[in-house]
Protein backbone atom coordinates (compact mmCIF):
# COMPACT_ATOMS: atom_id res chain seq x y z
CA UNK A 1 5.40 123.08 148.51
CA UNK A 2 5.71 123.33 152.28
CA UNK A 3 8.46 125.56 153.66
CA UNK A 4 9.66 126.28 157.19
CA UNK A 5 11.58 129.52 157.68
CA UNK A 6 13.32 130.18 160.98
CA UNK A 7 14.58 133.43 162.45
CA UNK A 8 15.85 134.82 165.73
CA UNK A 9 19.15 133.08 166.33
CA UNK A 10 22.32 134.90 167.31
CA UNK A 11 24.94 135.38 169.99
CA UNK A 12 24.18 136.18 173.60
CA UNK A 13 25.98 136.20 176.93
CA UNK A 14 25.19 133.60 179.59
CA UNK A 15 21.99 134.51 181.38
CA UNK A 16 20.61 136.28 178.33
CA UNK A 17 17.52 135.59 176.26
CA UNK A 18 16.63 134.89 172.65
CA UNK A 19 13.37 134.19 170.87
CA UNK A 20 13.25 131.89 167.87
CA UNK A 21 10.42 131.94 165.34
CA UNK A 22 9.46 129.50 162.60
CA UNK A 23 6.82 130.23 159.97
CA UNK A 24 5.27 127.37 158.01
CA UNK A 25 3.93 128.14 154.54
CA UNK A 26 2.37 126.10 151.76
CA UNK A 27 -0.65 123.97 151.15
CA UNK A 28 -1.80 121.91 154.12
CA UNK A 29 -4.83 120.83 156.14
CA UNK A 30 -3.33 120.97 159.61
CA UNK A 31 -0.14 120.91 161.64
CA UNK A 32 -0.64 118.40 164.46
CA UNK A 33 2.71 119.04 166.12
CA UNK A 34 5.48 121.62 165.94
CA UNK A 35 8.82 121.28 167.65
CA UNK A 36 12.31 122.63 168.13
CA UNK A 37 15.41 120.45 167.97
CA UNK A 38 19.05 121.35 168.39
CA UNK A 39 22.31 119.85 167.28
CA UNK A 40 25.98 120.36 168.05
CA UNK A 41 28.78 118.98 165.85
CA UNK A 42 29.46 115.31 166.49
CA UNK A 43 26.22 114.71 168.39
CA UNK A 44 22.74 113.53 167.48
CA UNK A 45 19.96 116.03 166.97
CA UNK A 46 18.10 116.50 170.26
CA UNK A 47 14.42 117.26 170.79
CA UNK A 48 14.19 120.45 172.86
CA UNK A 49 10.46 121.12 173.00
CA UNK A 50 7.26 120.08 171.26
CA UNK A 51 3.76 121.56 171.14
CA UNK A 52 0.53 120.06 169.82
CA UNK A 53 -2.21 121.91 167.96
CA UNK A 54 -4.17 121.93 171.21
CA UNK A 55 -1.34 123.57 173.14
CA UNK A 56 0.06 120.57 174.98
CA UNK A 57 3.81 120.90 175.53
CA UNK A 58 6.79 118.80 176.51
CA UNK A 59 10.42 119.74 177.15
CA UNK A 60 13.76 118.06 177.53
CA UNK A 61 14.77 118.17 181.20
CA UNK A 62 17.76 120.45 180.61
CA UNK A 63 15.57 123.37 179.46
CA UNK A 64 12.57 123.02 181.75
CA UNK A 65 11.85 126.28 183.55
CA UNK A 66 14.02 128.26 181.12
CA UNK A 67 12.52 127.70 177.66
CA UNK A 68 8.91 128.15 176.56
CA UNK A 69 7.45 126.85 173.33
CA UNK A 70 4.30 128.43 171.93
CA UNK A 71 2.43 128.58 168.65
CA UNK A 72 0.06 130.85 166.78
CA UNK A 73 -2.18 128.54 164.77
CA UNK A 74 -3.65 131.41 162.74
CA UNK A 75 -0.16 132.34 161.56
CA UNK A 76 1.23 128.79 161.32
CA UNK A 77 4.09 129.95 163.49
CA UNK A 78 5.93 128.34 166.39
CA UNK A 79 8.13 130.21 168.85
CA UNK A 80 10.81 129.24 171.32
CA UNK A 81 11.47 131.75 174.08
CA UNK A 82 14.83 130.96 175.63
CA UNK A 83 15.73 132.58 178.94
CA UNK A 84 18.65 132.13 181.33
CA UNK A 85 20.73 130.81 178.48
CA UNK A 86 23.81 128.72 179.27
CA UNK A 87 26.91 127.95 177.19
CA UNK A 88 25.67 124.37 176.85
CA UNK A 89 22.63 125.69 174.97
CA UNK A 90 24.94 126.60 172.09
CA UNK A 91 23.79 124.69 169.01
CA UNK A 92 22.05 124.94 165.68
CA UNK A 93 18.33 125.01 166.39
CA UNK A 94 15.94 123.42 163.90
CA UNK A 95 12.22 123.84 163.58
CA UNK A 96 10.18 120.73 162.82
CA UNK A 97 6.54 120.39 161.85
CA UNK A 98 4.44 117.30 161.26
CA UNK A 99 2.05 118.45 158.55
CA UNK A 100 -1.09 116.84 157.22
CA UNK A 101 -1.53 117.61 153.53
CA UNK A 102 -2.18 114.66 151.20
CA UNK A 103 -0.53 112.59 153.95
CA UNK A 104 1.20 113.18 157.26
CA UNK A 105 4.83 114.17 156.74
CA UNK A 106 7.65 115.70 158.75
CA UNK A 107 9.33 118.89 157.55
CA UNK A 108 12.44 120.73 158.73
CA UNK A 109 13.65 124.29 158.71
CA UNK A 110 17.13 125.27 157.59
CA UNK A 111 18.45 125.78 161.11
CA UNK A 112 19.54 128.86 163.02
CA UNK A 113 22.70 129.21 165.11
CA UNK A 114 22.44 130.06 168.79
CA UNK A 115 25.73 130.86 170.54
CA UNK A 116 25.95 131.51 174.27
CA UNK A 117 29.34 132.81 175.28
CA UNK A 118 30.94 135.46 177.43
């Protein structure tokens, strides 16, 4: 049974920083991609950043230069370092992993709240 467990959310003032972590556990062969999404009430879930097993990354324009996604393949963990946070970054952040076990499937974490407010 594959599980994704997130941590690191919280409340911060504008301009502050947070670091999210997501640990993947369970039986699997590989994790081709890992990503962070975010969602606010009434809006669709938005892809924030994605990273491949080889380290290739991509970001939504609104976070470029402020957020950094990274992964530790030995620990099956993905991180999202968020700097210069803005109120519009407030959302529930979800970890996603495309995992190859018996077949390639997409898994989600439970979500962690990030609130940016003065």
